[in-house]
N, C-alpha and C. Protein backbone atom coordinates (compact mmCIF):
# COMPACT_ATOMS: atom_id res chain seq x y z
N MET A 1 -48.18 67.46 221.02
CA MET A 1 -49.56 67.04 221.27
C MET A 1 -50.52 68.04 220.65
N SER A 2 -51.40 67.55 219.82
CA SER A 2 -52.27 68.45 219.07
C SER A 2 -53.58 68.68 219.81
N SER A 3 -54.08 69.91 219.73
CA SER A 3 -55.40 70.22 220.31
C SER A 3 -56.40 70.54 219.21
N ASN A 4 -55.98 70.49 217.93
CA ASN A 4 -56.88 70.76 216.82
C ASN A 4 -57.51 69.45 216.37
N VAL A 5 -58.66 69.13 216.91
CA VAL A 5 -59.31 67.86 216.63
C VAL A 5 -60.69 68.12 216.05
N PRO A 6 -61.16 67.22 215.19
CA PRO A 6 -62.49 67.39 214.62
C PRO A 6 -63.56 67.40 215.70
N ALA A 7 -64.59 68.20 215.48
CA ALA A 7 -65.66 68.29 216.48
C ALA A 7 -66.38 66.95 216.63
N SER A 8 -66.34 66.11 215.58
CA SER A 8 -67.05 64.84 215.61
C SER A 8 -66.31 63.76 216.40
N LEU A 9 -65.05 64.02 216.77
CA LEU A 9 -64.27 63.01 217.49
C LEU A 9 -64.77 62.90 218.92
N PRO A 10 -65.11 61.69 219.40
CA PRO A 10 -65.58 61.56 220.78
C PRO A 10 -64.49 61.96 221.77
N THR A 11 -64.93 62.33 222.98
CA THR A 11 -64.01 62.74 224.03
C THR A 11 -64.13 61.82 225.22
N TYR A 12 -62.98 61.32 225.73
CA TYR A 12 -62.99 60.66 227.02
C TYR A 12 -62.62 61.69 228.06
N ARG A 13 -63.52 61.93 228.99
CA ARG A 13 -63.32 62.92 230.03
C ARG A 13 -62.96 62.23 231.34
N LEU A 14 -61.71 62.38 231.77
CA LEU A 14 -61.29 61.83 233.05
C LEU A 14 -61.88 62.67 234.16
N ARG A 15 -62.65 62.04 235.03
CA ARG A 15 -63.37 62.80 236.06
C ARG A 15 -62.44 63.30 237.14
N ARG A 16 -62.66 64.53 237.56
CA ARG A 16 -61.87 65.13 238.64
C ARG A 16 -62.09 64.39 239.96
N ALA A 17 -63.26 63.80 240.15
CA ALA A 17 -63.59 63.19 241.43
C ALA A 17 -62.87 61.87 241.67
N PHE A 18 -62.30 61.27 240.64
CA PHE A 18 -61.61 60.00 240.83
C PHE A 18 -60.41 60.16 241.76
N HIS A 19 -60.24 59.16 242.64
CA HIS A 19 -59.04 59.11 243.46
C HIS A 19 -57.87 58.62 242.60
N LEU A 20 -56.66 58.66 243.16
CA LEU A 20 -55.46 58.37 242.40
C LEU A 20 -55.51 57.01 241.70
N GLY A 21 -55.89 55.96 242.43
CA GLY A 21 -55.92 54.64 241.81
C GLY A 21 -56.90 54.56 240.67
N ASP A 22 -58.09 55.15 240.83
CA ASP A 22 -59.09 55.16 239.77
C ASP A 22 -58.60 55.95 238.56
N ARG A 23 -57.99 57.09 238.81
CA ARG A 23 -57.43 57.89 237.73
C ARG A 23 -56.36 57.11 236.97
N TRP A 24 -55.47 56.50 237.74
CA TRP A 24 -54.35 55.78 237.13
C TRP A 24 -54.88 54.66 236.23
N ALA A 25 -55.81 53.86 236.74
CA ALA A 25 -56.35 52.73 235.99
C ALA A 25 -57.12 53.19 234.75
N ARG A 26 -57.97 54.18 234.90
CA ARG A 26 -58.81 54.59 233.78
C ARG A 26 -58.03 55.31 232.70
N LEU A 27 -57.06 56.14 233.08
CA LEU A 27 -56.24 56.79 232.07
C LEU A 27 -55.38 55.76 231.33
N ASN A 28 -54.82 54.79 232.06
CA ASN A 28 -54.08 53.72 231.41
C ASN A 28 -54.94 52.97 230.40
N TYR A 29 -56.18 52.68 230.79
CA TYR A 29 -57.08 51.93 229.91
C TYR A 29 -57.42 52.75 228.66
N ALA A 30 -57.69 54.03 228.85
CA ALA A 30 -57.96 54.89 227.70
C ALA A 30 -56.77 54.90 226.74
N LEU A 31 -55.57 54.98 227.29
CA LEU A 31 -54.37 54.98 226.45
C LEU A 31 -54.19 53.64 225.73
N ARG A 32 -54.54 52.54 226.37
CA ARG A 32 -54.46 51.24 225.70
C ARG A 32 -55.46 51.16 224.54
N LEU A 33 -56.64 51.74 224.71
CA LEU A 33 -57.61 51.75 223.63
C LEU A 33 -57.10 52.57 222.44
N LEU A 34 -56.49 53.71 222.72
CA LEU A 34 -55.88 54.52 221.66
C LEU A 34 -54.76 53.75 220.98
N GLU A 35 -53.96 53.06 221.78
CA GLU A 35 -52.86 52.26 221.23
C GLU A 35 -53.39 51.18 220.30
N ALA A 36 -54.57 50.63 220.62
CA ALA A 36 -55.17 49.57 219.82
C ALA A 36 -55.85 50.08 218.56
N GLY A 37 -55.90 51.41 218.39
CA GLY A 37 -56.43 51.96 217.15
C GLY A 37 -57.73 52.74 217.26
N GLU A 38 -58.33 52.79 218.45
CA GLU A 38 -59.54 53.60 218.58
C GLU A 38 -59.18 55.08 218.45
N GLU A 39 -60.15 55.89 218.04
CA GLU A 39 -59.90 57.31 217.83
C GLU A 39 -60.83 58.14 218.72
N PHE A 40 -60.25 58.87 219.63
CA PHE A 40 -60.98 59.81 220.45
C PHE A 40 -59.97 60.77 221.06
N GLN A 41 -60.48 61.85 221.60
CA GLN A 41 -59.61 62.83 222.26
C GLN A 41 -59.75 62.70 223.77
N LEU A 42 -58.75 63.21 224.47
CA LEU A 42 -58.75 63.18 225.93
C LEU A 42 -59.07 64.55 226.49
N SER A 43 -59.82 64.56 227.58
CA SER A 43 -60.05 65.78 228.34
C SER A 43 -59.58 65.51 229.77
N LEU A 44 -58.48 66.15 230.16
CA LEU A 44 -57.90 65.94 231.49
C LEU A 44 -58.24 67.13 232.38
N PRO A 45 -58.71 66.90 233.61
CA PRO A 45 -59.30 67.97 234.40
C PRO A 45 -58.34 68.90 235.12
N ASP A 46 -57.09 68.46 235.36
CA ASP A 46 -56.21 69.28 236.19
C ASP A 46 -54.75 68.89 235.97
N SER A 47 -53.86 69.60 236.66
CA SER A 47 -52.42 69.37 236.49
C SER A 47 -52.01 67.99 236.99
N SER A 48 -52.70 67.46 237.99
CA SER A 48 -52.38 66.13 238.51
C SER A 48 -52.59 65.06 237.44
N ALA A 49 -53.67 65.17 236.68
CA ALA A 49 -53.93 64.22 235.60
C ALA A 49 -52.86 64.32 234.52
N HIS A 50 -52.45 65.55 234.20
CA HIS A 50 -51.39 65.73 233.21
C HIS A 50 -50.07 65.17 233.74
N GLU A 51 -49.85 65.26 235.06
CA GLU A 51 -48.62 64.73 235.64
C GLU A 51 -48.58 63.21 235.51
N ILE A 52 -49.72 62.55 235.68
CA ILE A 52 -49.78 61.10 235.47
C ILE A 52 -49.39 60.78 234.04
N LEU A 53 -49.98 61.50 233.09
CA LEU A 53 -49.71 61.26 231.67
C LEU A 53 -48.23 61.44 231.36
N GLU A 54 -47.64 62.50 231.89
CA GLU A 54 -46.23 62.78 231.61
C GLU A 54 -45.30 61.75 232.25
N ALA A 55 -45.77 61.09 233.30
CA ALA A 55 -44.92 60.13 234.02
C ALA A 55 -44.79 58.80 233.30
N LEU A 56 -45.67 58.53 232.33
CA LEU A 56 -45.72 57.21 231.69
C LEU A 56 -44.83 57.12 230.46
N GLN A 57 -44.28 55.93 230.25
CA GLN A 57 -43.54 55.64 229.01
C GLN A 57 -44.57 55.29 227.94
N LEU A 58 -44.74 56.19 226.98
CA LEU A 58 -45.74 55.97 225.94
C LEU A 58 -45.14 55.81 224.55
N ASP A 59 -43.84 56.04 224.42
CA ASP A 59 -43.15 55.90 223.14
C ASP A 59 -43.89 56.68 222.05
N GLY A 60 -44.15 56.04 220.91
CA GLY A 60 -44.75 56.75 219.79
C GLY A 60 -46.20 57.16 220.01
N LEU A 61 -46.85 56.56 221.01
CA LEU A 61 -48.25 56.90 221.26
C LEU A 61 -48.41 58.35 221.69
N ARG A 62 -47.41 58.90 222.37
CA ARG A 62 -47.52 60.26 222.89
C ARG A 62 -47.78 61.26 221.75
N GLU A 63 -47.14 61.07 220.61
CA GLU A 63 -47.29 62.00 219.51
C GLU A 63 -48.68 61.91 218.87
N ARG A 64 -49.39 60.82 219.13
CA ARG A 64 -50.73 60.64 218.54
C ARG A 64 -51.84 61.15 219.45
N LEU A 65 -51.51 61.53 220.68
CA LEU A 65 -52.54 61.97 221.61
C LEU A 65 -53.14 63.29 221.16
N GLN A 66 -54.45 63.38 221.30
CA GLN A 66 -55.16 64.61 220.96
C GLN A 66 -56.03 65.01 222.14
N PHE A 67 -56.13 66.30 222.37
CA PHE A 67 -56.82 66.82 223.53
C PHE A 67 -57.88 67.83 223.10
N GLY A 68 -58.93 67.90 223.89
CA GLY A 68 -59.98 68.86 223.61
C GLY A 68 -60.82 69.11 224.85
N PRO A 69 -61.76 70.02 224.77
CA PRO A 69 -62.62 70.32 225.93
C PRO A 69 -63.60 69.18 226.19
N PRO A 70 -64.15 69.12 227.40
CA PRO A 70 -65.16 68.11 227.70
C PRO A 70 -66.32 68.19 226.73
N SER A 71 -66.89 67.05 226.40
CA SER A 71 -68.01 67.01 225.47
C SER A 71 -69.18 66.28 226.10
N SER A 72 -70.38 66.76 225.83
CA SER A 72 -71.59 66.16 226.41
C SER A 72 -72.39 65.38 225.37
N ASP A 73 -71.82 65.17 224.17
CA ASP A 73 -72.56 64.43 223.15
C ASP A 73 -72.61 62.95 223.52
N GLU A 74 -73.54 62.22 222.95
CA GLU A 74 -73.77 60.83 223.31
C GLU A 74 -72.57 59.93 223.02
N PRO A 75 -71.86 60.07 221.88
CA PRO A 75 -70.67 59.22 221.68
C PRO A 75 -69.63 59.40 222.78
N SER A 76 -69.46 60.63 223.25
CA SER A 76 -68.50 60.88 224.33
C SER A 76 -68.99 60.29 225.65
N ARG A 77 -70.28 60.41 225.92
CA ARG A 77 -70.83 59.84 227.15
C ARG A 77 -70.69 58.32 227.14
N GLU A 78 -70.97 57.69 226.00
CA GLU A 78 -70.86 56.24 225.90
C GLU A 78 -69.41 55.79 226.07
N LEU A 79 -68.47 56.53 225.48
CA LEU A 79 -67.05 56.22 225.63
C LEU A 79 -66.64 56.29 227.09
N SER A 80 -67.06 57.35 227.79
CA SER A 80 -66.71 57.49 229.20
C SER A 80 -67.34 56.39 230.05
N ARG A 81 -68.59 56.03 229.75
CA ARG A 81 -69.23 54.95 230.50
C ARG A 81 -68.45 53.64 230.32
N ARG A 82 -68.01 53.38 229.12
CA ARG A 82 -67.29 52.14 228.84
C ARG A 82 -65.96 52.10 229.58
N ILE A 83 -65.21 53.18 229.56
CA ILE A 83 -63.90 53.21 230.21
C ILE A 83 -64.04 53.25 231.72
N ASP A 84 -65.04 53.97 232.22
CA ASP A 84 -65.19 54.16 233.66
C ASP A 84 -65.87 53.00 234.36
N ARG A 85 -66.27 51.98 233.61
CA ARG A 85 -67.01 50.87 234.21
C ARG A 85 -66.18 50.11 235.24
N GLY A 86 -64.86 50.14 235.11
CA GLY A 86 -64.04 49.63 236.20
C GLY A 86 -63.22 48.40 235.90
N ALA A 87 -63.86 47.25 235.72
CA ALA A 87 -63.14 45.98 235.65
C ALA A 87 -62.12 45.95 234.53
N ALA A 88 -62.50 46.40 233.35
CA ALA A 88 -61.56 46.37 232.22
C ALA A 88 -60.36 47.27 232.48
N ALA A 89 -60.61 48.42 233.10
CA ALA A 89 -59.51 49.35 233.39
C ALA A 89 -58.53 48.74 234.38
N TYR A 90 -59.04 48.10 235.41
CA TYR A 90 -58.15 47.52 236.42
C TYR A 90 -57.36 46.33 235.89
N ASN A 91 -57.92 45.64 234.91
CA ASN A 91 -57.28 44.43 234.42
C ASN A 91 -56.43 44.62 233.18
N CYS A 92 -56.36 45.84 232.65
CA CYS A 92 -55.52 46.07 231.48
C CYS A 92 -54.05 46.14 231.90
N ARG A 93 -53.16 46.00 230.92
CA ARG A 93 -51.73 46.17 231.21
C ARG A 93 -51.45 47.65 231.45
N TYR A 94 -50.82 47.95 232.56
CA TYR A 94 -50.47 49.33 232.85
C TYR A 94 -49.21 49.72 232.07
N PHE A 95 -49.19 50.94 231.56
CA PHE A 95 -47.98 51.45 230.95
C PHE A 95 -46.92 51.62 232.05
N PRO A 96 -45.66 51.31 231.76
CA PRO A 96 -44.61 51.55 232.75
C PRO A 96 -44.35 53.04 232.90
N THR A 97 -43.84 53.43 234.06
CA THR A 97 -43.44 54.82 234.26
C THR A 97 -42.05 55.03 233.67
N ARG A 98 -41.71 56.31 233.43
CA ARG A 98 -40.39 56.61 232.89
C ARG A 98 -39.29 56.24 233.89
N GLN A 99 -39.55 56.47 235.17
CA GLN A 99 -38.62 56.04 236.22
C GLN A 99 -39.13 54.71 236.76
N LEU A 100 -38.29 53.67 236.66
CA LEU A 100 -38.69 52.33 237.05
C LEU A 100 -37.97 51.86 238.31
N HIS A 101 -38.54 50.84 238.94
CA HIS A 101 -37.96 50.28 240.15
C HIS A 101 -36.61 49.63 239.85
N ALA A 102 -35.60 49.99 240.62
CA ALA A 102 -34.27 49.38 240.48
C ALA A 102 -33.48 49.60 241.76
N SER A 103 -34.08 49.23 242.89
CA SER A 103 -33.48 49.59 244.17
C SER A 103 -32.93 48.38 244.91
N PRO A 104 -31.63 48.40 245.25
CA PRO A 104 -31.07 47.40 246.16
C PRO A 104 -31.12 47.85 247.61
N ALA A 105 -31.73 49.00 247.86
CA ALA A 105 -31.70 49.58 249.21
C ALA A 105 -32.44 48.70 250.21
N GLN A 106 -32.00 48.76 251.45
CA GLN A 106 -32.69 48.04 252.52
C GLN A 106 -33.81 48.93 253.05
N ALA A 107 -34.85 49.04 252.23
CA ALA A 107 -35.98 49.90 252.58
C ALA A 107 -37.27 49.25 252.10
N ILE A 108 -38.30 49.31 252.92
CA ILE A 108 -39.62 48.80 252.59
C ILE A 108 -40.61 49.95 252.70
N GLY A 109 -41.35 50.17 251.63
CA GLY A 109 -42.41 51.18 251.67
C GLY A 109 -43.69 50.57 252.22
N TYR A 110 -44.51 51.41 252.85
CA TYR A 110 -45.79 50.91 253.35
C TYR A 110 -46.85 52.00 253.26
N THR A 111 -48.07 51.56 253.07
CA THR A 111 -49.22 52.46 253.09
C THR A 111 -50.47 51.65 253.42
N PHE A 112 -51.20 52.09 254.42
CA PHE A 112 -52.42 51.41 254.83
C PHE A 112 -53.61 52.37 254.78
N GLU A 113 -53.55 53.36 253.90
CA GLU A 113 -54.65 54.31 253.76
C GLU A 113 -55.51 53.94 252.57
N ALA A 114 -56.77 54.32 252.62
CA ALA A 114 -57.69 54.10 251.50
C ALA A 114 -58.75 55.19 251.52
N ASN A 115 -59.09 55.70 250.35
CA ASN A 115 -60.09 56.77 250.25
C ASN A 115 -61.52 56.24 250.14
N TRP A 116 -61.67 54.95 249.89
CA TRP A 116 -63.00 54.40 249.62
C TRP A 116 -63.13 53.06 250.33
N ARG A 117 -64.21 52.87 251.09
CA ARG A 117 -64.51 51.63 251.80
C ARG A 117 -63.35 51.22 252.72
N ARG A 118 -62.89 52.18 253.50
CA ARG A 118 -61.72 51.98 254.35
C ARG A 118 -61.92 50.80 255.31
N GLU A 119 -63.12 50.69 255.88
CA GLU A 119 -63.36 49.66 256.88
C GLU A 119 -63.24 48.25 256.30
N GLU A 120 -63.49 48.14 254.99
CA GLU A 120 -63.42 46.83 254.35
C GLU A 120 -62.04 46.54 253.75
N LYS A 121 -61.24 47.59 253.57
CA LYS A 121 -59.93 47.41 252.95
C LYS A 121 -58.79 47.32 253.97
N ILE A 122 -58.90 48.05 255.06
CA ILE A 122 -57.77 48.16 255.98
C ILE A 122 -57.94 47.16 257.12
N PRO A 123 -57.07 46.17 257.21
CA PRO A 123 -57.21 45.17 258.27
C PRO A 123 -56.74 45.72 259.62
N PRO A 124 -57.11 45.09 260.70
CA PRO A 124 -56.60 45.51 262.01
C PRO A 124 -55.14 45.11 262.16
N LEU A 125 -54.51 45.65 263.19
CA LEU A 125 -53.16 45.26 263.60
C LEU A 125 -52.05 45.71 262.65
N THR A 126 -52.32 46.70 261.78
CA THR A 126 -51.26 47.13 260.86
C THR A 126 -50.10 47.80 261.61
N GLU A 127 -50.40 48.56 262.66
CA GLU A 127 -49.33 49.19 263.43
C GLU A 127 -48.47 48.15 264.13
N ALA A 128 -49.11 47.12 264.65
CA ALA A 128 -48.35 46.04 265.29
C ALA A 128 -47.50 45.31 264.26
N LEU A 129 -48.05 45.16 263.05
CA LEU A 129 -47.31 44.51 261.98
C LEU A 129 -46.03 45.29 261.66
N LEU A 130 -46.13 46.61 261.56
CA LEU A 130 -44.95 47.42 261.28
C LEU A 130 -43.92 47.33 262.40
N SER A 131 -44.40 47.36 263.63
CA SER A 131 -43.50 47.28 264.78
C SER A 131 -42.75 45.95 264.79
N ASP A 132 -43.48 44.87 264.56
CA ASP A 132 -42.84 43.56 264.56
C ASP A 132 -41.91 43.39 263.36
N LEU A 133 -42.29 43.99 262.22
CA LEU A 133 -41.46 43.92 261.03
C LEU A 133 -40.13 44.64 261.26
N GLN A 134 -40.19 45.79 261.92
CA GLN A 134 -38.97 46.53 262.21
C GLN A 134 -38.07 45.74 263.16
N THR A 135 -38.67 45.05 264.10
CA THR A 135 -37.88 44.21 265.01
C THR A 135 -37.23 43.05 264.26
N ALA A 136 -37.97 42.47 263.30
CA ALA A 136 -37.46 41.34 262.54
C ALA A 136 -36.38 41.75 261.55
N LEU A 137 -36.42 43.03 261.11
CA LEU A 137 -35.46 43.53 260.12
C LEU A 137 -34.78 44.78 260.67
N PRO A 138 -33.92 44.65 261.67
CA PRO A 138 -33.37 45.82 262.36
C PRO A 138 -32.55 46.74 261.47
N GLY A 139 -31.97 46.22 260.40
CA GLY A 139 -31.15 47.07 259.54
C GLY A 139 -31.92 47.73 258.41
N TRP A 140 -33.23 47.53 258.39
CA TRP A 140 -34.04 48.03 257.28
C TRP A 140 -34.80 49.28 257.68
N GLN A 141 -35.07 50.13 256.69
CA GLN A 141 -35.86 51.34 256.91
C GLN A 141 -37.29 51.10 256.42
N LEU A 142 -38.25 51.48 257.23
CA LEU A 142 -39.66 51.43 256.82
C LEU A 142 -40.09 52.84 256.44
N MET A 143 -40.53 53.01 255.20
CA MET A 143 -40.82 54.33 254.67
C MET A 143 -42.30 54.47 254.32
N PRO A 144 -43.00 55.46 254.91
CA PRO A 144 -44.40 55.68 254.55
C PRO A 144 -44.52 56.20 253.12
N MET A 145 -45.53 55.75 252.41
CA MET A 145 -45.76 56.13 251.02
C MET A 145 -47.11 56.83 250.88
N GLY A 146 -47.18 57.79 249.98
CA GLY A 146 -48.41 58.52 249.73
C GLY A 146 -48.46 59.81 250.53
N LYS A 147 -49.55 60.57 250.34
CA LYS A 147 -49.69 61.84 251.03
C LYS A 147 -49.81 61.61 252.53
N PRO A 148 -49.25 62.50 253.35
CA PRO A 148 -48.56 63.76 253.04
C PRO A 148 -47.06 63.61 252.80
N HIS A 149 -46.58 62.38 252.70
CA HIS A 149 -45.14 62.15 252.62
C HIS A 149 -44.61 62.44 251.22
N GLN A 150 -45.38 62.11 250.19
CA GLN A 150 -45.07 62.51 248.82
C GLN A 150 -46.31 63.21 248.29
N THR A 151 -46.16 64.43 247.87
CA THR A 151 -47.33 65.26 247.54
C THR A 151 -47.60 65.36 246.05
N THR A 152 -46.72 64.82 245.22
CA THR A 152 -46.93 64.85 243.77
C THR A 152 -46.77 63.44 243.22
N VAL A 153 -47.30 63.22 242.04
CA VAL A 153 -47.14 61.92 241.38
C VAL A 153 -45.65 61.62 241.14
N THR A 154 -44.91 62.64 240.72
CA THR A 154 -43.49 62.46 240.43
C THR A 154 -42.71 62.03 241.67
N SER A 155 -42.98 62.68 242.81
CA SER A 155 -42.26 62.33 244.04
C SER A 155 -42.67 60.95 244.55
N LEU A 156 -43.93 60.57 244.35
CA LEU A 156 -44.38 59.24 244.75
C LEU A 156 -43.67 58.16 243.92
N ILE A 157 -43.57 58.38 242.61
CA ILE A 157 -42.89 57.42 241.74
C ILE A 157 -41.43 57.27 242.16
N ALA A 158 -40.77 58.38 242.45
CA ALA A 158 -39.37 58.33 242.88
C ALA A 158 -39.23 57.55 244.18
N ALA A 159 -40.16 57.75 245.11
CA ALA A 159 -40.11 57.03 246.38
C ALA A 159 -40.33 55.53 246.17
N LEU A 160 -41.28 55.17 245.33
CA LEU A 160 -41.55 53.76 245.06
C LEU A 160 -40.38 53.08 244.34
N ALA A 161 -39.70 53.84 243.49
CA ALA A 161 -38.55 53.29 242.78
C ALA A 161 -37.39 53.02 243.73
N GLY A 162 -37.40 53.64 244.90
CA GLY A 162 -36.28 53.55 245.83
C GLY A 162 -36.46 52.61 246.98
N VAL A 163 -37.55 51.81 247.00
CA VAL A 163 -37.74 50.82 248.07
C VAL A 163 -37.70 49.42 247.47
N ARG A 164 -37.35 48.45 248.32
CA ARG A 164 -37.23 47.08 247.83
C ARG A 164 -38.61 46.49 247.51
N LEU A 165 -39.60 46.81 248.33
CA LEU A 165 -40.96 46.36 248.08
C LEU A 165 -41.95 47.29 248.76
N LEU A 166 -43.22 47.17 248.38
CA LEU A 166 -44.29 47.97 248.98
C LEU A 166 -45.26 47.05 249.69
N LEU A 167 -45.50 47.33 250.96
CA LEU A 167 -46.51 46.64 251.76
C LEU A 167 -47.72 47.55 251.82
N SER A 168 -48.86 47.09 251.31
CA SER A 168 -49.97 48.03 251.10
C SER A 168 -51.31 47.32 251.18
N VAL A 169 -52.36 48.13 251.29
CA VAL A 169 -53.73 47.68 251.03
C VAL A 169 -54.07 48.13 249.61
N ASP A 170 -55.28 47.83 249.18
CA ASP A 170 -55.75 48.23 247.85
C ASP A 170 -55.97 49.74 247.85
N ASN A 171 -55.04 50.48 247.26
CA ASN A 171 -55.18 51.94 247.21
C ASN A 171 -54.43 52.49 246.01
N GLY A 172 -54.45 53.82 245.87
CA GLY A 172 -53.83 54.46 244.72
C GLY A 172 -52.34 54.25 244.64
N VAL A 173 -51.66 54.25 245.78
CA VAL A 173 -50.20 54.05 245.78
C VAL A 173 -49.86 52.69 245.18
N ALA A 174 -50.64 51.66 245.51
CA ALA A 174 -50.39 50.33 244.98
C ALA A 174 -50.57 50.30 243.46
N HIS A 175 -51.54 51.06 242.95
CA HIS A 175 -51.73 51.13 241.49
C HIS A 175 -50.52 51.77 240.82
N VAL A 176 -50.00 52.82 241.42
CA VAL A 176 -48.80 53.45 240.86
C VAL A 176 -47.64 52.47 240.88
N ALA A 177 -47.52 51.70 241.97
CA ALA A 177 -46.44 50.72 242.09
C ALA A 177 -46.49 49.68 240.97
N ARG A 178 -47.69 49.36 240.48
CA ARG A 178 -47.80 48.43 239.36
C ARG A 178 -47.05 48.96 238.15
N SER A 179 -47.16 50.25 237.88
CA SER A 179 -46.48 50.83 236.73
C SER A 179 -44.99 51.02 236.98
N VAL A 180 -44.62 51.34 238.22
CA VAL A 180 -43.21 51.53 238.55
C VAL A 180 -42.47 50.19 238.52
N GLY A 181 -43.18 49.10 238.81
CA GLY A 181 -42.56 47.78 238.87
C GLY A 181 -42.07 47.41 240.25
N THR A 182 -42.49 48.15 241.27
CA THR A 182 -42.12 47.85 242.65
C THR A 182 -42.85 46.58 243.11
N PRO A 183 -42.14 45.58 243.62
CA PRO A 183 -42.82 44.38 244.12
C PRO A 183 -43.86 44.74 245.18
N LEU A 184 -45.01 44.09 245.11
CA LEU A 184 -46.14 44.42 245.98
C LEU A 184 -46.48 43.26 246.91
N PHE A 185 -46.73 43.58 248.17
CA PHE A 185 -47.37 42.67 249.10
C PHE A 185 -48.66 43.35 249.55
N LEU A 186 -49.78 42.87 249.04
CA LEU A 186 -51.06 43.48 249.38
C LEU A 186 -51.73 42.72 250.52
N LEU A 187 -52.21 43.47 251.51
CA LEU A 187 -52.97 42.90 252.61
C LEU A 187 -54.45 42.97 252.26
N GLU A 188 -55.11 41.84 252.29
CA GLU A 188 -56.54 41.80 252.00
C GLU A 188 -57.31 41.67 253.31
N HIS A 189 -58.40 42.44 253.42
CA HIS A 189 -59.25 42.35 254.62
C HIS A 189 -60.61 41.78 254.21
N LEU A 190 -61.63 42.62 254.08
CA LEU A 190 -62.96 42.13 253.75
C LEU A 190 -63.24 42.17 252.25
N LEU A 191 -62.50 42.97 251.50
CA LEU A 191 -62.67 43.06 250.05
C LEU A 191 -61.52 42.35 249.35
N SER A 192 -61.85 41.61 248.30
CA SER A 192 -60.81 40.96 247.52
C SER A 192 -60.00 41.99 246.75
N VAL A 193 -58.69 41.82 246.71
CA VAL A 193 -57.84 42.72 245.93
C VAL A 193 -57.62 42.18 244.52
N GLY A 194 -58.21 41.05 244.19
CA GLY A 194 -57.96 40.41 242.91
C GLY A 194 -58.38 41.24 241.71
N ARG A 195 -59.45 42.05 241.87
CA ARG A 195 -59.92 42.82 240.72
C ARG A 195 -58.89 43.86 240.29
N GLY A 196 -58.37 44.61 241.25
CA GLY A 196 -57.46 45.69 240.91
C GLY A 196 -56.03 45.25 240.68
N PHE A 197 -55.69 44.03 241.11
CA PHE A 197 -54.31 43.58 241.04
C PHE A 197 -54.26 42.13 240.56
N PRO A 198 -54.60 41.90 239.30
CA PRO A 198 -54.62 40.53 238.78
C PRO A 198 -53.24 39.90 238.83
N MET A 199 -53.15 38.69 239.33
CA MET A 199 -51.87 38.04 239.59
C MET A 199 -51.05 37.86 238.31
N GLU A 200 -51.73 37.63 237.19
CA GLU A 200 -50.96 37.33 235.99
C GLU A 200 -50.21 38.54 235.43
N ILE A 201 -50.57 39.75 235.84
CA ILE A 201 -49.86 40.93 235.33
C ILE A 201 -49.25 41.77 236.45
N CYS A 202 -49.29 41.27 237.67
CA CYS A 202 -48.80 42.08 238.77
C CYS A 202 -48.01 41.21 239.75
N CYS A 203 -46.85 41.71 240.17
CA CYS A 203 -46.04 40.98 241.15
C CYS A 203 -46.58 41.28 242.54
N TYR A 204 -47.41 40.39 243.07
CA TYR A 204 -47.95 40.63 244.41
C TYR A 204 -48.29 39.31 245.08
N THR A 205 -48.38 39.37 246.37
CA THR A 205 -48.82 38.23 247.16
C THR A 205 -50.02 38.66 247.99
N LYS A 206 -51.11 37.97 247.83
CA LYS A 206 -52.33 38.33 248.56
C LYS A 206 -52.35 37.57 249.88
N VAL A 207 -52.28 38.30 250.98
CA VAL A 207 -52.35 37.69 252.30
C VAL A 207 -53.38 38.44 253.13
N SER A 208 -53.82 37.83 254.19
CA SER A 208 -54.84 38.43 255.03
C SER A 208 -54.35 38.59 256.45
N CYS A 209 -54.64 39.76 257.02
CA CYS A 209 -54.31 39.97 258.43
C CYS A 209 -55.23 39.18 259.33
N ASP A 210 -56.31 38.62 258.76
CA ASP A 210 -57.16 37.74 259.54
C ASP A 210 -56.47 36.41 259.79
N ALA A 211 -55.52 36.07 258.91
CA ALA A 211 -54.72 34.85 259.10
C ALA A 211 -53.56 35.16 260.03
N ALA A 212 -52.76 34.17 260.29
CA ALA A 212 -51.62 34.36 261.19
C ALA A 212 -50.65 35.37 260.61
N ILE A 213 -50.26 36.37 261.42
CA ILE A 213 -49.35 37.40 260.95
C ILE A 213 -48.00 36.77 260.60
N GLY A 214 -47.68 35.65 261.22
CA GLY A 214 -46.44 34.97 260.90
C GLY A 214 -46.34 34.60 259.43
N THR A 215 -47.48 34.35 258.79
CA THR A 215 -47.47 34.05 257.36
C THR A 215 -46.94 35.24 256.57
N ILE A 216 -47.30 36.44 257.00
CA ILE A 216 -46.82 37.64 256.31
C ILE A 216 -45.31 37.75 256.46
N TYR A 217 -44.81 37.53 257.65
CA TYR A 217 -43.37 37.60 257.86
C TYR A 217 -42.64 36.58 256.99
N ALA A 218 -43.18 35.37 256.91
CA ALA A 218 -42.55 34.34 256.12
C ALA A 218 -42.48 34.75 254.65
N LEU A 219 -43.54 35.33 254.15
CA LEU A 219 -43.57 35.78 252.76
C LEU A 219 -42.58 36.91 252.53
N LEU A 220 -42.52 37.84 253.47
CA LEU A 220 -41.58 38.96 253.34
C LEU A 220 -40.15 38.46 253.35
N HIS A 221 -39.82 37.59 254.27
CA HIS A 221 -38.45 37.08 254.35
C HIS A 221 -38.09 36.29 253.09
N SER A 222 -39.06 35.52 252.58
CA SER A 222 -38.81 34.76 251.36
C SER A 222 -38.50 35.69 250.20
N LYS A 223 -39.27 36.77 250.08
CA LYS A 223 -39.05 37.73 248.99
C LYS A 223 -37.72 38.45 249.14
N LEU A 224 -37.38 38.84 250.34
CA LEU A 224 -36.15 39.60 250.57
C LEU A 224 -34.90 38.77 250.34
N GLU A 225 -35.03 37.46 250.50
CA GLU A 225 -33.86 36.61 250.35
C GLU A 225 -33.61 36.20 248.91
N THR A 226 -34.57 36.49 247.98
CA THR A 226 -34.38 36.12 246.59
C THR A 226 -33.74 37.23 245.81
């Protein structure tokens, strides 16, 4: 990876303030733009951002990546505004991770945490849902996903690769699962999950805890039996 780049080359600066899902989506989108032929350098703020980059299968694109310090010039600001706008980043194809989902284990991952707009993302009765799910699947293990259970991107990917499916709300762990290929069951509350998890490129079922919880069980059993 080269760091000797022309001063005139715009810089996409991944913001340190982004949560995991935002980082994952925006860095993926920037990489897709580079793959499509755009020319700019990347500025990554910390080791966590570099860990995301290293976790992805980029094939020949990796050798073309160029890095440089943050830039405050207008071309760089415009590039960052375009990538950080949100919708395009969430709807692009995510690069797969180097370690992919391939688990026959009787284990279901779950995460009901969110760093942003928690009241609108996290439905009620999630603890009751887990309790009833464990009763319905006595031989299965329910595994919590995300911090503090996995503290690095690498350990989170390994955990997601080792469960049969992920039961989640719209959060960073679910975005990582898109790249790992872990089947997703997303619970929707007051905010639509359609923006971050478009059905045509993501294996997920959108259900609501406002509806009958039995519907969730039926969907889970249907998925587990296939």
